[in-house]
């Protein structure tokens, strides 16, 4: 199998996850800033691999499979870290909604592809907005230093709630798009 540049970037994003986890728990001053920077680097590779694949026609079946897996891993692992570090009911429920939606919609998309209807459940604009909101919220929550005029944890938590609402909204759009096919499959 030939590894394209976009696929290499996706694999690099996956390899950044254990590094981020280790840095997150590292006992040095600024570990939170380093973990946030690693997460930002992973998010940039997410954008970059797609751009390179489209711009230079380097898409591959393996890359198309691996990219959403890397995205889901990046978000889920980081949310688990944040819930463990900030175990509030709001953080736990919000994270559970986001991770639950990601698993459910991934299963729906896989099933739809299996019956030849994968075009029915393509990524919508709201899904992209949701992803950006999740990334911003997670970066703020990883950083979470209190500044005198701004409390980043509360800002991050609020942004994560907004991301969860967008997550539900985009998930409902996927289900609505798939509903005619789901009804015929009874």
C-alpha atoms as a PDB file:
ATOM      1  CA  UNK A   1       0.000   0.000   0.000  1.00  0.00           C
ATOM      2  CA  UNK A   2       1.273   3.434  -0.965  1.00  0.00           C
ATOM      3  CA  UNK A   3       1.028   6.043   1.821  1.00  0.00           C
ATOM      4  CA  UNK A   4       0.108   9.424   0.353  1.00  0.00           C
ATOM      5  CA  UNK A   5       1.021  12.748   1.965  1.00  0.00           C
ATOM      6  CA  UNK A   6      -2.551  13.268   3.258  1.00  0.00           C
ATOM      7  CA  UNK A   7      -2.569   9.773   4.779  1.00  0.00           C
ATOM      8  CA  UNK A   8       0.847  10.416   6.356  1.00  0.00           C
ATOM      9  CA  UNK A   9      -0.559  13.610   7.906  1.00  0.00           C
ATOM     10  CA  UNK A  10      -3.532  11.662   9.252  1.00  0.00           C
ATOM     11  CA  UNK A  11      -1.227   9.008  10.738  1.00  0.00           C
ATOM     12  CA  UNK A  12       0.875  11.796  12.272  1.00  0.00           C
ATOM     13  CA  UNK A  13      -2.317  13.202  13.859  1.00  0.00           C
ATOM     14  CA  UNK A  14      -3.025   9.801  15.413  1.00  0.00           C
ATOM     15  CA  UNK A  15       0.565   9.567  16.694  1.00  0.00           C
ATOM     16  CA  UNK A  16       0.189  13.000  18.317  1.00  0.00           C
ATOM     17  CA  UNK A  17      -2.577  11.667  20.591  1.00  0.00           C
ATOM     18  CA  UNK A  18      -0.414   9.646  23.009  1.00  0.00           C
ATOM     19  CA  UNK A  19       2.093  12.498  23.031  1.00  0.00           C
ATOM     20  CA  UNK A  20      -0.673  14.914  24.009  1.00  0.00           C
ATOM     21  CA  UNK A  21      -1.887  12.554  26.748  1.00  0.00           C
ATOM     22  CA  UNK A  22       1.623  12.262  28.203  1.00  0.00           C
ATOM     23  CA  UNK A  23       2.122  16.016  28.053  1.00  0.00           C
ATOM     24  CA  UNK A  24      -1.322  16.600  29.598  1.00  0.00           C
ATOM     25  CA  UNK A  25      -0.273  14.594  32.667  1.00  0.00           C
ATOM     26  CA  UNK A  26       3.337  15.796  32.733  1.00  0.00           C
ATOM     27  CA  UNK A  27       4.299  17.553  35.932  1.00  0.00           C
ATOM     28  CA  UNK A  28       5.950  20.624  34.401  1.00  0.00           C
ATOM     29  CA  UNK A  29       4.897  24.239  34.317  1.00  0.00           C
ATOM     30  CA  UNK A  30       3.165  24.954  31.030  1.00  0.00           C
ATOM     31  CA  UNK A  31       2.102  21.368  30.353  1.00  0.00           C
ATOM     32  CA  UNK A  32      -1.423  22.624  29.696  1.00  0.00           C
ATOM     33  CA  UNK A  33      -0.131  25.089  27.090  1.00  0.00           C
ATOM     34  CA  UNK A  34       1.960  22.361  25.456  1.00  0.00           C
ATOM     35  CA  UNK A  35      -1.053  19.978  25.386  1.00  0.00           C
ATOM     36  CA  UNK A  36      -3.179  22.718  23.803  1.00  0.00           C
ATOM     37  CA  UNK A  37      -0.430  23.367  21.230  1.00  0.00           C
ATOM     38  CA  UNK A  38      -0.248  19.663  20.364  1.00  0.00           C
ATOM     39  CA  UNK A  39      -4.026  19.572  19.949  1.00  0.00           C
ATOM     40  CA  UNK A  40      -3.833  22.639  17.676  1.00  0.00           C
ATOM     41  CA  UNK A  41      -1.105  20.921  15.618  1.00  0.00           C
ATOM     42  CA  UNK A  42      -3.363  17.880  15.265  1.00  0.00           C
ATOM     43  CA  UNK A  43      -6.275  20.094  14.199  1.00  0.00           C
ATOM     44  CA  UNK A  44      -4.091  21.819  11.610  1.00  0.00           C
ATOM     45  CA  UNK A  45      -3.073  18.449  10.152  1.00  0.00           C
ATOM     46  CA  UNK A  46      -6.788  17.604   9.918  1.00  0.00           C
ATOM     47  CA  UNK A  47      -7.364  20.639   7.714  1.00  0.00           C
ATOM     48  CA  UNK A  48      -4.072  20.198   5.831  1.00  0.00           C
ATOM     49  CA  UNK A  49      -4.566  16.535   4.901  1.00  0.00           C
ATOM     50  CA  UNK A  50      -7.941  17.310   3.341  1.00  0.00           C
ATOM     51  CA  UNK A  51      -6.610  20.331   1.497  1.00  0.00           C
ATOM     52  CA  UNK A  52      -3.615  18.411   0.086  1.00  0.00           C
ATOM     53  CA  UNK A  53      -5.825  15.465  -0.912  1.00  0.00           C
ATOM     54  CA  UNK A  54      -8.242  17.717  -2.807  1.00  0.00           C
ATOM     55  CA  UNK A  55      -5.668  20.147  -4.259  1.00  0.00           C
ATOM     56  CA  UNK A  56      -3.273  17.506  -5.565  1.00  0.00           C
ATOM     57  CA  UNK A  57      -5.801  14.727  -6.173  1.00  0.00           C
ATOM     58  CA  UNK A  58      -4.132  12.476  -3.598  1.00  0.00           C
ATOM     59  CA  UNK A  59      -7.244  10.984  -2.070  1.00  0.00           C
ATOM     60  CA  UNK A  60      -7.243   7.283  -1.292  1.00  0.00           C
ATOM     61  CA  UNK A  61      -9.717   4.764   0.070  1.00  0.00           C
ATOM     62  CA  UNK A  62      -7.482   4.171   3.097  1.00  0.00           C
ATOM     63  CA  UNK A  63      -7.188   7.910   3.727  1.00  0.00           C
ATOM     64  CA  UNK A  64     -10.954   8.354   3.401  1.00  0.00           C
ATOM     65  CA  UNK A  65     -11.404   5.645   6.040  1.00  0.00           C
ATOM     66  CA  UNK A  66      -8.611   6.807   8.351  1.00  0.00           C
ATOM     67  CA  UNK A  67      -9.312  10.559   8.408  1.00  0.00           C
ATOM     68  CA  UNK A  68     -12.669  10.428  10.225  1.00  0.00           C
ATOM     69  CA  UNK A  69     -11.283   7.783  12.599  1.00  0.00           C
ATOM     70  CA  UNK A  70      -8.407  10.119  13.492  1.00  0.00           C
ATOM     71  CA  UNK A  71     -10.870  12.989  13.980  1.00  0.00           C
ATOM     72  CA  UNK A  72     -13.069  10.968  16.315  1.00  0.00           C
ATOM     73  CA  UNK A  73     -10.060   9.698  18.286  1.00  0.00           C
ATOM     74  CA  UNK A  74      -8.660  13.204  18.634  1.00  0.00           C
ATOM     75  CA  UNK A  75     -11.911  14.601  20.033  1.00  0.00           C
ATOM     76  CA  UNK A  76     -12.895  11.603  22.179  1.00  0.00           C
ATOM     77  CA  UNK A  77      -9.497  11.089  23.829  1.00  0.00           C
ATOM     78  CA  UNK A  78      -9.171  14.772  24.628  1.00  0.00           C
ATOM     79  CA  UNK A  79     -12.701  14.982  26.022  1.00  0.00           C
ATOM     80  CA  UNK A  80     -11.978  11.979  28.262  1.00  0.00           C
ATOM     81  CA  UNK A  81      -8.906  13.790  29.585  1.00  0.00           C
ATOM     82  CA  UNK A  82     -10.872  16.969  30.199  1.00  0.00           C
ATOM     83  CA  UNK A  83     -13.724  15.164  31.974  1.00  0.00           C
ATOM     84  CA  UNK A  84     -11.242  13.319  34.175  1.00  0.00           C
ATOM     85  CA  UNK A  85      -9.527  16.605  35.028  1.00  0.00           C
ATOM     86  CA  UNK A  86     -12.749  18.655  35.426  1.00  0.00           C
ATOM     87  CA  UNK A  87     -15.332  16.162  36.588  1.00  0.00           C
ATOM     88  CA  UNK A  88     -18.419  18.337  36.614  1.00  0.00           C
ATOM     89  CA  UNK A  89     -21.802  16.967  35.573  1.00  0.00           C
ATOM     90  CA  UNK A  90     -22.040  19.559  32.783  1.00  0.00           C
ATOM     91  CA  UNK A  91     -18.626  18.582  31.370  1.00  0.00           C
ATOM     92  CA  UNK A  92     -19.460  14.861  31.585  1.00  0.00           C
ATOM     93  CA  UNK A  93     -22.904  15.135  29.967  1.00  0.00           C
ATOM     94  CA  UNK A  94     -21.698  17.506  27.247  1.00  0.00           C
ATOM     95  CA  UNK A  95     -18.760  15.237  26.417  1.00  0.00           C
ATOM     96  CA  UNK A  96     -20.995  12.155  26.446  1.00  0.00           C
ATOM     97  CA  UNK A  97     -23.367  13.836  23.981  1.00  0.00           C
ATOM     98  CA  UNK A  98     -20.490  14.707  21.652  1.00  0.00           C
ATOM     99  CA  UNK A  99     -18.829  11.278  21.794  1.00  0.00           C
ATOM    100  CA  UNK A 100     -22.190   9.468  21.586  1.00  0.00           C
ATOM    101  CA  UNK A 101     -23.173  11.436  18.494  1.00  0.00           C
ATOM    102  CA  UNK A 102     -19.801  10.748  16.846  1.00  0.00           C
ATOM    103  CA  UNK A 103     -20.178   6.999  17.413  1.00  0.00           C
ATOM    104  CA  UNK A 104     -23.829   6.959  16.316  1.00  0.00           C
ATOM    105  CA  UNK A 105     -23.320   8.981  13.136  1.00  0.00           C
ATOM    106  CA  UNK A 106     -20.191   7.001  12.239  1.00  0.00           C
ATOM    107  CA  UNK A 107     -22.235   3.802  12.549  1.00  0.00           C
ATOM    108  CA  UNK A 108     -25.036   5.337  10.469  1.00  0.00           C
ATOM    109  CA  UNK A 109     -22.619   6.425   7.747  1.00  0.00           C
ATOM    110  CA  UNK A 110     -20.973   2.982   7.712  1.00  0.00           C
ATOM    111  CA  UNK A 111     -24.343   1.249   7.455  1.00  0.00           C
ATOM    112  CA  UNK A 112     -25.481   3.630   4.697  1.00  0.00           C
ATOM    113  CA  UNK A 113     -22.272   2.958   2.766  1.00  0.00           C
ATOM    114  CA  UNK A 114     -22.860  -0.778   3.207  1.00  0.00           C
ATOM    115  CA  UNK A 115     -26.235  -0.538   1.487  1.00  0.00           C
ATOM    116  CA  UNK A 116     -24.889   1.728  -1.256  1.00  0.00           C
ATOM    117  CA  UNK A 117     -26.439   4.972   0.004  1.00  0.00           C
ATOM    118  CA  UNK A 118     -23.315   6.703   1.373  1.00  0.00           C
ATOM    119  CA  UNK A 119     -23.980   9.873  -0.668  1.00  0.00           C
ATOM    120  CA  UNK A 120     -27.135  10.397   1.388  1.00  0.00           C
ATOM    121  CA  UNK A 121     -25.143  11.190   4.544  1.00  0.00           C
ATOM    122  CA  UNK A 122     -22.405  13.536   3.369  1.00  0.00           C
ATOM    123  CA  UNK A 123     -20.794  16.071   5.706  1.00  0.00           C
ATOM    124  CA  UNK A 124     -22.932  19.213   5.889  1.00  0.00           C
ATOM    125  CA  UNK A 125     -21.844  22.778   6.631  1.00  0.00           C
ATOM    126  CA  UNK A 126     -23.257  22.551  10.151  1.00  0.00           C
ATOM    127  CA  UNK A 127     -20.967  19.567  10.764  1.00  0.00           C
ATOM    128  CA  UNK A 128     -17.962  21.674   9.810  1.00  0.00           C
ATOM    129  CA  UNK A 129     -19.103  24.521  12.089  1.00  0.00           C
ATOM    130  CA  UNK A 130     -19.584  21.962  14.870  1.00  0.00           C
ATOM    131  CA  UNK A 131     -16.046  20.672  14.360  1.00  0.00           C
ATOM    132  CA  UNK A 132     -14.536  24.159  14.527  1.00  0.00           C
ATOM    133  CA  UNK A 133     -16.531  24.930  17.700  1.00  0.00           C
ATOM    134  CA  UNK A 134     -15.354  21.663  19.298  1.00  0.00           C
ATOM    135  CA  UNK A 135     -11.733  22.430  18.442  1.00  0.00           C
ATOM    136  CA  UNK A 136     -11.908  25.958  19.852  1.00  0.00           C
ATOM    137  CA  UNK A 137     -13.688  24.753  23.007  1.00  0.00           C
ATOM    138  CA  UNK A 138     -11.193  21.945  23.568  1.00  0.00           C
ATOM    139  CA  UNK A 139      -8.181  24.222  23.056  1.00  0.00           C
ATOM    140  CA  UNK A 140      -9.593  26.710  25.571  1.00  0.00           C
ATOM    141  CA  UNK A 141     -10.307  23.901  28.045  1.00  0.00           C
ATOM    142  CA  UNK A 142      -6.820  22.432  27.632  1.00  0.00           C
ATOM    143  CA  UNK A 143      -5.311  25.864  28.219  1.00  0.00           C
ATOM    144  CA  UNK A 144      -7.623  26.812  31.133  1.00  0.00           C
ATOM    145  CA  UNK A 145      -5.451  29.332  32.962  1.00  0.00           C
ATOM    146  CA  UNK A 146      -7.461  31.914  34.824  1.00  0.00           C
ATOM    147  CA  UNK A 147      -6.833  35.354  33.461  1.00  0.00           C
ATOM    148  CA  UNK A 148      -7.982  38.323  35.519  1.00  0.00           C
ATOM    149  CA  UNK A 149     -10.687  39.489  33.122  1.00  0.00           C
ATOM    150  CA  UNK A 150     -11.567  36.164  31.513  1.00  0.00           C
ATOM    151  CA  UNK A 151     -12.105  32.721  32.957  1.00  0.00           C
ATOM    152  CA  UNK A 152     -11.074  30.397  30.112  1.00  0.00           C
ATOM    153  CA  UNK A 153     -12.504  27.282  31.781  1.00  0.00           C
ATOM    154  CA  UNK A 154     -16.007  28.769  31.866  1.00  0.00           C
ATOM    155  CA  UNK A 155     -15.604  30.128  28.355  1.00  0.00           C
ATOM    156  CA  UNK A 156     -14.418  26.695  27.168  1.00  0.00           C
ATOM    157  CA  UNK A 157     -17.253  24.964  28.971  1.00  0.00           C
ATOM    158  CA  UNK A 158     -19.776  27.338  27.378  1.00  0.00           C
ATOM    159  CA  UNK A 159     -18.254  26.790  23.936  1.00  0.00           C
ATOM    160  CA  UNK A 160     -18.382  23.021  24.527  1.00  0.00           C
ATOM    161  CA  UNK A 161     -22.096  23.258  25.366  1.00  0.00           C
ATOM    162  CA  UNK A 162     -22.620  25.209  22.123  1.00  0.00           C
ATOM    163  CA  UNK A 163     -20.610  22.521  20.307  1.00  0.00           C
ATOM    164  CA  UNK A 164     -22.843  19.847  21.879  1.00  0.00           C
ATOM    165  CA  UNK A 165     -25.963  21.660  20.659  1.00  0.00           C
ATOM    166  CA  UNK A 166     -24.441  21.898  17.168  1.00  0.00           C
ATOM    167  CA  UNK A 167     -23.510  18.211  17.489  1.00  0.00           C
ATOM    168  CA  UNK A 168     -27.128  17.268  18.160  1.00  0.00           C
ATOM    169  CA  UNK A 169     -28.330  19.537  15.353  1.00  0.00           C
ATOM    170  CA  UNK A 170     -25.908  18.108  12.799  1.00  0.00           C
ATOM    171  CA  UNK A 171     -26.669  14.573  13.984  1.00  0.00           C
ATOM    172  CA  UNK A 172     -30.370  15.188  13.418  1.00  0.00           C
ATOM    173  CA  UNK A 173     -29.568  16.446   9.914  1.00  0.00           C
ATOM    174  CA  UNK A 174     -27.743  13.186   9.187  1.00  0.00           C
ATOM    175  CA  UNK A 175     -30.659  11.138  10.473  1.00  0.00           C
ATOM    176  CA  UNK A 176     -33.150  13.257   8.521  1.00  0.00           C
ATOM    177  CA  UNK A 177     -31.117  12.782   5.329  1.00  0.00           C
ATOM    178  CA  UNK A 178     -30.926   9.023   5.945  1.00  0.00           C
ATOM    179  CA  UNK A 179     -34.532   8.634   7.109  1.00  0.00           C
ATOM    180  CA  UNK A 180     -36.074   7.730   3.713  1.00  0.00           C
ATOM    181  CA  UNK A 181     -33.506   4.956   3.276  1.00  0.00           C
ATOM    182  CA  UNK A 182     -33.945   3.813   6.878  1.00  0.00           C
ATOM    183  CA  UNK A 183     -37.713   3.547   6.395  1.00  0.00           C
ATOM    184  CA  UNK A 184     -37.311   1.466   3.219  1.00  0.00           C
ATOM    185  CA  UNK A 185     -34.979  -0.968   5.020  1.00  0.00           C
ATOM    186  CA  UNK A 186     -37.581  -2.169   7.536  1.00  0.00           C
END
